[in-house]
Amino acid sequence: MTDSKIIFTLLISLLFRFAIVSAQGPIYTIDARHSVIGFSVKILGGLSEVDGHFTKFSGEIILNENDFTQSSIKAEIEAKSISTGVSPRDQHLREEDFFYVEKYPLIRFTSNSIQKTKGAYLARGKIHIRGVTREVSISFAPTSDNLVTWVFGRPWIIFEGTARINRKDFGIQANARWNRLVAATGELAMSDEVEIRLKIMALGKQIYQMLLEAEKQSGMKGALEEYKKLKEQFKDVDAITELTFNQFGYNLIDMGKVKSAIQAFQLWTTEFPQSANAYDSLGEAYLANGEQNKARIAYKKSLELDPDNHNAKEVLNKLKN
């Protein structure tokens, strides 16, 4: 093999290895329902401002759990989803004077690096608007002491951030009216500078999803072993809740794995012995498996824990007939 071929092979190997390493880590998906990508721009010579946001966007954080600065962030926004609360203005913003959404439908951001700063982080990356790509820095900080926060059995990365860009860097010239000086202040009718405001909630993989993966690979034996590990790993946070078992079990039923669902619900009753819902679900799984006597016992226990459980009453009445 020639020297050039050896060097080429080594380069390909390194690039392939880098690609694998850079893609590692759990993925946290931005929850657009609970996140805000907004902006603010001064108008009337700085005497007032217009606030707005985008209603349709997606994105993800690939988390390096050992070193967050080695993580990555990317997002994609539908430019036509811009909203300032005034329909005629929003329509104008979609036109050629501003975002020209017909020709440039998407706004994209991809981080190149993340740096730890005093009490916060600084993400540097490329933002693509209206066919133009520029470097941008986003300063952001988690809203809690921990980067990953478990709430109701769900792992979240929650942060707020800001950035500033020049609209004209991206060809957003507006029209002549907005580029005139206002005599009262000596400033432009619309500022060149735009402030970007972020409130981001990104959801990671939940415990029930990890259990489903383990069950798929190694059956319920593997899932139960995985549960023991996860229970120990997350013993100090609100990671495992009743909803964990509910989602795990009913996903198994939807997959036609009723016997596995029975084991999942049995574990639910063990971990939450005072839960009427746990026994109600166990009874449902027994019925789905044709085990009426066991279902009757489970529903009676559920009714004992919650005398107002109408579903248990109805099922028990049907089982009498």
Protein backbone atom coordinates (compact mmCIF):
# COMPACT_ATOMS: atom_id res chain seq x y z
CA MET A 1 0.00 0.00 0.00
CA THR A 2 1.39 3.44 -0.94
CA ASP A 3 1.98 6.17 1.64
CA SER A 4 -0.86 8.26 0.21
CA LYS A 5 -3.30 5.36 0.52
CA ILE A 6 -2.19 4.73 4.12
CA ILE A 7 -2.73 8.39 5.02
CA PHE A 8 -6.11 8.39 3.28
CA THR A 9 -7.17 5.23 5.15
CA LEU A 10 -6.09 6.73 8.48
CA LEU A 11 -8.02 9.93 7.78
CA ILE A 12 -11.16 8.01 6.91
CA SER A 13 -10.77 5.93 10.06
CA LEU A 14 -10.37 9.02 12.24
CA LEU A 15 -13.33 10.75 10.65
CA PHE A 16 -15.48 7.66 11.08
CA ARG A 17 -14.41 7.36 14.70
CA PHE A 18 -15.13 11.04 15.29
CA ALA A 19 -18.57 10.67 13.74
CA ILE A 20 -19.37 7.83 16.11
CA VAL A 21 -18.10 9.70 19.18
CA SER A 22 -19.86 12.96 18.29
CA ALA A 23 -23.17 11.13 17.86
CA GLN A 24 -23.01 9.44 21.24
CA GLY A 25 -25.11 10.42 24.23
CA PRO A 26 -28.83 10.59 25.02
CA ILE A 27 -30.97 12.78 22.80
CA TYR A 28 -33.23 15.40 24.37
CA THR A 29 -35.96 16.56 22.00
CA ILE A 30 -37.16 20.15 22.21
CA ASP A 31 -40.79 20.25 23.31
CA ALA A 32 -42.31 23.02 21.19
CA ARG A 33 -45.49 23.02 23.29
CA HIS A 34 -43.58 24.19 26.35
CA SER A 35 -40.78 26.16 24.70
CA VAL A 36 -40.54 29.68 23.31
CA ILE A 37 -38.34 30.97 20.51
CA GLY A 38 -39.02 34.67 20.55
CA PHE A 39 -37.52 37.96 19.46
CA SER A 40 -37.70 41.67 20.17
CA VAL A 41 -36.81 44.60 17.93
CA LYS A 42 -36.94 48.31 18.73
CA ILE A 43 -39.13 50.52 16.55
CA LEU A 44 -40.03 54.22 16.24
CA GLY A 45 -36.47 55.26 16.83
CA GLY A 46 -36.15 53.15 19.96
CA LEU A 47 -39.24 54.60 21.62
CA SER A 48 -41.08 51.28 21.48
CA GLU A 49 -40.51 47.67 20.49
CA VAL A 50 -42.22 44.74 18.82
CA ASP A 51 -42.13 41.33 20.43
CA GLY A 52 -42.84 38.14 18.54
CA HIS A 53 -42.21 34.43 18.42
CA PHE A 54 -42.34 31.39 16.17
CA THR A 55 -45.02 28.78 16.72
CA LYS A 56 -43.54 25.87 14.77
CA PHE A 57 -40.05 24.58 15.42
CA SER A 58 -38.15 21.47 16.37
CA GLY A 59 -34.71 20.57 17.62
CA GLU A 60 -32.60 18.39 19.83
CA ILE A 61 -29.75 18.38 22.30
CA ILE A 62 -27.31 15.48 22.12
CA LEU A 63 -26.10 15.36 25.69
CA ASN A 64 -22.62 14.39 26.80
CA GLU A 65 -23.41 13.32 30.36
CA ASN A 66 -19.81 13.59 31.52
CA ASP A 67 -19.08 17.01 30.03
CA PHE A 68 -21.91 19.22 28.82
CA THR A 69 -19.49 21.39 26.85
CA GLN A 70 -19.05 18.40 24.53
CA SER A 71 -22.79 18.29 23.82
CA SER A 72 -24.45 19.68 20.70
CA ILE A 73 -27.60 21.65 19.95
CA LYS A 74 -29.55 22.06 16.75
CA ALA A 75 -32.90 23.61 15.90
CA GLU A 76 -35.08 24.25 12.87
CA ILE A 77 -37.82 26.89 12.66
CA GLU A 78 -40.62 27.34 10.13
CA ALA A 79 -40.24 30.99 9.18
CA LYS A 80 -43.89 31.32 8.15
CA SER A 81 -44.95 30.55 11.72
CA ILE A 82 -43.82 34.00 12.85
CA SER A 83 -46.35 35.71 15.09
CA THR A 84 -46.45 39.18 16.64
CA GLY A 85 -50.16 39.19 17.44
CA VAL A 86 -51.03 41.48 14.51
CA SER A 87 -52.09 39.57 11.38
CA PRO A 88 -51.29 42.24 8.73
CA ARG A 89 -47.85 42.77 10.24
CA ASP A 90 -47.21 39.02 10.39
CA GLN A 91 -48.13 38.70 6.72
CA HIS A 92 -45.74 41.53 5.83
CA LEU A 93 -42.96 39.83 7.79
CA ARG A 94 -43.45 36.72 5.66
CA GLU A 95 -42.97 38.68 2.45
CA GLU A 96 -39.84 39.64 0.51
CA ASP A 97 -39.15 42.77 2.57
CA PHE A 98 -38.43 40.56 5.55
CA PHE A 99 -38.20 36.76 5.78
CA TYR A 100 -39.37 35.92 2.24
CA VAL A 101 -40.74 32.61 3.49
CA GLU A 102 -41.88 31.42 0.09
CA LYS A 103 -38.24 31.22 -1.02
CA TYR A 104 -36.59 30.65 2.38
CA PRO A 105 -39.01 28.55 4.47
CA LEU A 106 -36.60 27.45 7.21
CA ILE A 107 -34.36 29.04 9.83
CA ARG A 108 -31.66 26.72 11.19
CA PHE A 109 -29.17 26.75 14.04
CA THR A 110 -26.37 24.26 14.69
CA SER A 111 -23.91 24.62 17.53
CA ASN A 112 -20.18 24.32 16.92
CA SER A 113 -19.07 24.57 20.55
CA ILE A 114 -20.40 25.05 24.06
CA GLN A 115 -18.35 26.90 26.65
CA LYS A 116 -18.89 27.07 30.42
CA THR A 117 -19.07 30.63 31.72
CA LYS A 118 -19.77 32.09 35.14
CA GLY A 119 -23.14 30.63 36.12
CA ALA A 120 -24.09 29.94 32.52
CA TYR A 121 -23.03 28.56 29.14
CA LEU A 122 -22.17 30.07 25.79
CA ALA A 123 -23.14 28.17 22.65
CA ARG A 124 -21.40 29.26 19.47
CA GLY A 125 -22.71 28.10 16.15
CA LYS A 126 -24.12 28.91 12.77
CA ILE A 127 -27.55 30.39 12.16
CA HIS A 128 -29.08 30.25 8.71
CA ILE A 129 -31.71 32.87 7.86
CA ARG A 130 -33.02 33.86 4.46
CA GLY A 131 -30.31 31.96 2.63
CA VAL A 132 -27.46 33.52 4.62
CA THR A 133 -25.36 31.75 7.24
CA ARG A 134 -23.62 33.69 10.03
CA GLU A 135 -21.89 32.91 13.29
CA VAL A 136 -23.92 33.57 16.43
CA SER A 137 -23.34 33.23 20.17
CA ILE A 138 -26.16 32.25 22.50
CA SER A 139 -25.79 32.80 26.22
CA PHE A 140 -27.99 30.46 28.25
CA ALA A 141 -28.41 29.11 31.75
CA PRO A 142 -30.34 26.16 33.22
CA THR A 143 -33.34 27.13 35.34
CA SER A 144 -32.37 24.69 38.09
CA ASP A 145 -29.18 23.68 39.87
CA ASN A 146 -28.98 20.45 37.89
CA LEU A 147 -28.61 20.41 34.14
CA VAL A 148 -31.02 17.48 33.89
CA THR A 149 -34.12 17.77 36.06
CA TRP A 150 -36.50 14.87 36.67
CA VAL A 151 -40.14 15.96 36.98
CA PHE A 152 -43.01 13.45 37.16
CA GLY A 153 -40.76 10.68 35.92
CA ARG A 154 -39.50 12.65 32.94
CA PRO A 155 -35.94 13.96 32.40
CA TRP A 156 -35.82 17.56 31.21
CA ILE A 157 -33.13 20.00 30.16
CA ILE A 158 -34.66 23.41 30.80
CA PHE A 159 -32.87 26.67 30.09
CA GLU A 160 -33.34 30.30 29.12
CA GLY A 161 -31.07 32.16 26.75
CA THR A 162 -30.51 35.26 24.65
CA ALA A 163 -28.62 36.23 21.52
CA ARG A 164 -28.30 39.31 19.35
CA ILE A 165 -28.10 39.47 15.58
CA ASN A 166 -28.13 42.20 12.93
CA ARG A 167 -31.11 41.75 10.63
CA LYS A 168 -29.29 43.30 7.69
CA ASP A 169 -26.57 40.64 7.93
CA PHE A 170 -29.25 38.25 6.66
CA GLY A 171 -30.68 40.48 3.98
CA ILE A 172 -33.70 41.55 6.03
CA GLN A 173 -33.75 45.09 4.74
CA ALA A 174 -37.45 45.87 5.37
CA ASN A 175 -38.73 48.78 3.28
CA ALA A 176 -37.71 52.44 3.11
CA ARG A 177 -40.17 53.45 5.80
CA TRP A 178 -38.43 51.36 8.44
CA ASN A 179 -34.93 52.48 7.45
CA ARG A 180 -35.48 56.20 7.93
CA LEU A 181 -34.18 58.13 10.91
CA VAL A 182 -36.71 59.28 13.48
CA ALA A 183 -36.13 62.98 14.16
CA ALA A 184 -37.11 62.74 17.83
CA THR A 185 -34.32 60.28 18.64
CA GLY A 186 -31.98 60.28 15.69
CA GLU A 187 -32.29 56.49 15.44
CA LEU A 188 -33.73 54.21 12.78
CA ALA A 189 -37.45 53.58 12.66
CA MET A 190 -36.55 49.90 13.04
CA SER A 191 -33.39 48.89 14.80
CA ASP A 192 -30.87 46.79 12.91
CA GLU A 193 -30.28 44.76 16.06
CA VAL A 194 -32.70 42.00 16.98
CA GLU A 195 -32.70 40.28 20.35
CA ILE A 196 -33.49 36.57 20.35
CA ARG A 197 -35.09 35.22 23.52
CA LEU A 198 -35.24 31.53 24.30
CA LYS A 199 -37.11 29.45 26.84
CA ILE A 200 -36.36 25.84 26.02
CA MET A 201 -37.66 22.60 27.48
CA ALA A 202 -36.11 19.46 25.99
CA LEU A 203 -37.35 16.01 26.95
CA GLY A 204 -35.04 13.02 27.22
CA LYS A 205 -35.71 9.30 27.17
CA GLN A 206 -38.07 8.19 29.92
CA ILE A 207 -37.66 5.16 32.17
CA TYR A 208 -40.51 3.25 30.54
CA GLN A 209 -38.83 3.68 27.15
CA MET A 210 -35.59 2.26 28.54
CA LEU A 211 -37.53 -0.69 29.93
CA LEU A 212 -39.25 -1.29 26.60
CA GLU A 213 -35.88 -1.35 24.87
CA ALA A 214 -34.56 -3.84 27.42
CA GLU A 215 -37.67 -6.02 26.99
CA LYS A 216 -37.28 -5.95 23.23
CA GLN A 217 -33.67 -7.10 23.48
CA SER A 218 -33.85 -9.59 26.37
CA GLY A 219 -37.52 -10.18 27.23
CA MET A 220 -39.06 -9.40 30.60
CA LYS A 221 -36.13 -10.94 32.43
CA GLY A 222 -33.87 -8.36 30.86
CA ALA A 223 -36.40 -5.59 31.51
CA LEU A 224 -36.67 -6.47 35.20
CA GLU A 225 -32.90 -6.56 35.53
CA GLU A 226 -32.71 -3.18 33.82
CA TYR A 227 -35.35 -1.85 36.21
CA LYS A 228 -33.23 -2.79 39.23
CA LYS A 229 -30.27 -0.91 37.77
CA LEU A 230 -32.36 2.15 36.92
CA LYS A 231 -34.00 2.18 40.33
CA GLU A 232 -30.58 2.31 41.98
CA GLN A 233 -29.22 4.83 39.47
CA PHE A 234 -32.10 7.27 39.94
CA LYS A 235 -32.90 6.66 43.58
CA ASP A 236 -32.31 10.30 44.51
CA VAL A 237 -34.54 11.87 41.86
CA ASP A 238 -38.19 11.74 40.82
CA ALA A 239 -37.50 9.37 37.93
CA ILE A 240 -39.74 6.37 38.61
CA THR A 241 -43.41 7.08 39.18
CA GLU A 242 -46.71 5.26 38.76
CA LEU A 243 -46.86 6.68 35.25
CA THR A 244 -43.66 4.76 34.46
CA PHE A 245 -45.38 1.42 35.05
CA ASN A 246 -48.60 2.57 33.40
CA GLN A 247 -46.80 3.49 30.18
CA PHE A 248 -44.57 0.42 30.27
CA GLY A 249 -47.44 -2.00 30.77
CA TYR A 250 -49.90 -0.51 28.30
CA ASN A 251 -47.23 -0.23 25.62
CA LEU A 252 -46.61 -3.95 26.08
CA ILE A 253 -50.34 -4.64 25.72
CA ASP A 254 -50.43 -2.57 22.51
CA MET A 255 -47.55 -4.71 21.25
CA GLY A 256 -49.54 -7.87 21.97
CA LYS A 257 -47.26 -8.86 24.87
CA VAL A 258 -49.97 -9.35 27.47
CA LYS A 259 -48.03 -11.77 29.69
CA SER A 260 -45.17 -9.29 29.86
CA ALA A 261 -47.67 -6.55 30.71
CA ILE A 262 -48.93 -8.65 33.60
CA GLN A 263 -45.40 -8.78 35.00
CA ALA A 264 -45.05 -5.02 34.53
CA PHE A 265 -48.28 -4.35 36.41
CA GLN A 266 -47.35 -6.83 39.12
CA LEU A 267 -44.18 -4.83 39.64
CA TRP A 268 -46.34 -1.71 39.82
CA THR A 269 -48.39 -3.20 42.66
CA THR A 270 -45.17 -4.17 44.45
CA GLU A 271 -43.66 -0.69 44.19
CA PHE A 272 -46.94 1.13 44.89
CA PRO A 273 -48.99 -1.29 47.03
CA GLN A 274 -51.58 1.37 47.91
CA SER A 275 -52.32 2.25 44.30
CA ALA A 276 -55.82 1.38 43.17
CA ASN A 277 -54.80 2.17 39.59
CA ALA A 278 -52.06 -0.45 39.71
CA TYR A 279 -54.47 -3.23 40.65
CA ASP A 280 -57.07 -1.96 38.16
CA SER A 281 -54.50 -2.20 35.35
CA LEU A 282 -53.35 -5.62 36.55
CA GLY A 283 -56.95 -6.81 36.44
CA GLU A 284 -57.29 -5.51 32.89
CA ALA A 285 -54.17 -7.39 31.82
CA TYR A 286 -55.41 -10.61 33.45
CA LEU A 287 -58.69 -10.29 31.57
CA ALA A 288 -56.82 -9.73 28.31
CA ASN A 289 -55.00 -12.98 29.01
CA GLY A 290 -58.24 -14.84 29.77
CA GLU A 291 -57.50 -15.21 33.52
CA GLN A 292 -60.84 -14.17 35.00
CA ASN A 293 -60.27 -15.42 38.56
CA LYS A 294 -57.02 -13.49 38.90
CA ALA A 295 -58.67 -10.47 37.30
CA ARG A 296 -61.49 -10.65 39.87
CA ILE A 297 -58.98 -10.68 42.74
CA ALA A 298 -57.09 -7.69 41.30
CA TYR A 299 -60.25 -5.64 40.76
CA LYS A 300 -61.49 -6.41 44.26
CA LYS A 301 -58.19 -5.14 45.66
CA SER A 302 -58.47 -2.01 43.55
CA LEU A 303 -61.99 -1.40 44.84
CA GLU A 304 -60.83 -1.98 48.39
CA LEU A 305 -58.20 0.75 47.96
CA ASP A 306 -60.59 3.07 46.15
CA PRO A 307 -64.29 2.44 46.86
CA ASP A 308 -65.17 5.04 44.18
CA ASN A 309 -63.46 3.10 41.40
CA HIS A 310 -66.43 2.81 39.03
CA ASN A 311 -64.48 0.83 36.44
CA ALA A 312 -63.68 -1.88 38.99
CA LYS A 313 -67.34 -2.03 40.03
CA GLU A 314 -68.53 -2.40 36.44
CA VAL A 315 -66.00 -5.13 35.60
CA LEU A 316 -66.77 -7.09 38.77
CA ASN A 317 -70.52 -6.93 38.01
CA LYS A 318 -69.87 -8.26 34.51
CA LEU A 319 -67.73 -11.07 35.89
CA LYS A 320 -70.61 -12.16 38.13
CA ASN A 321 -72.84 -12.73 35.14
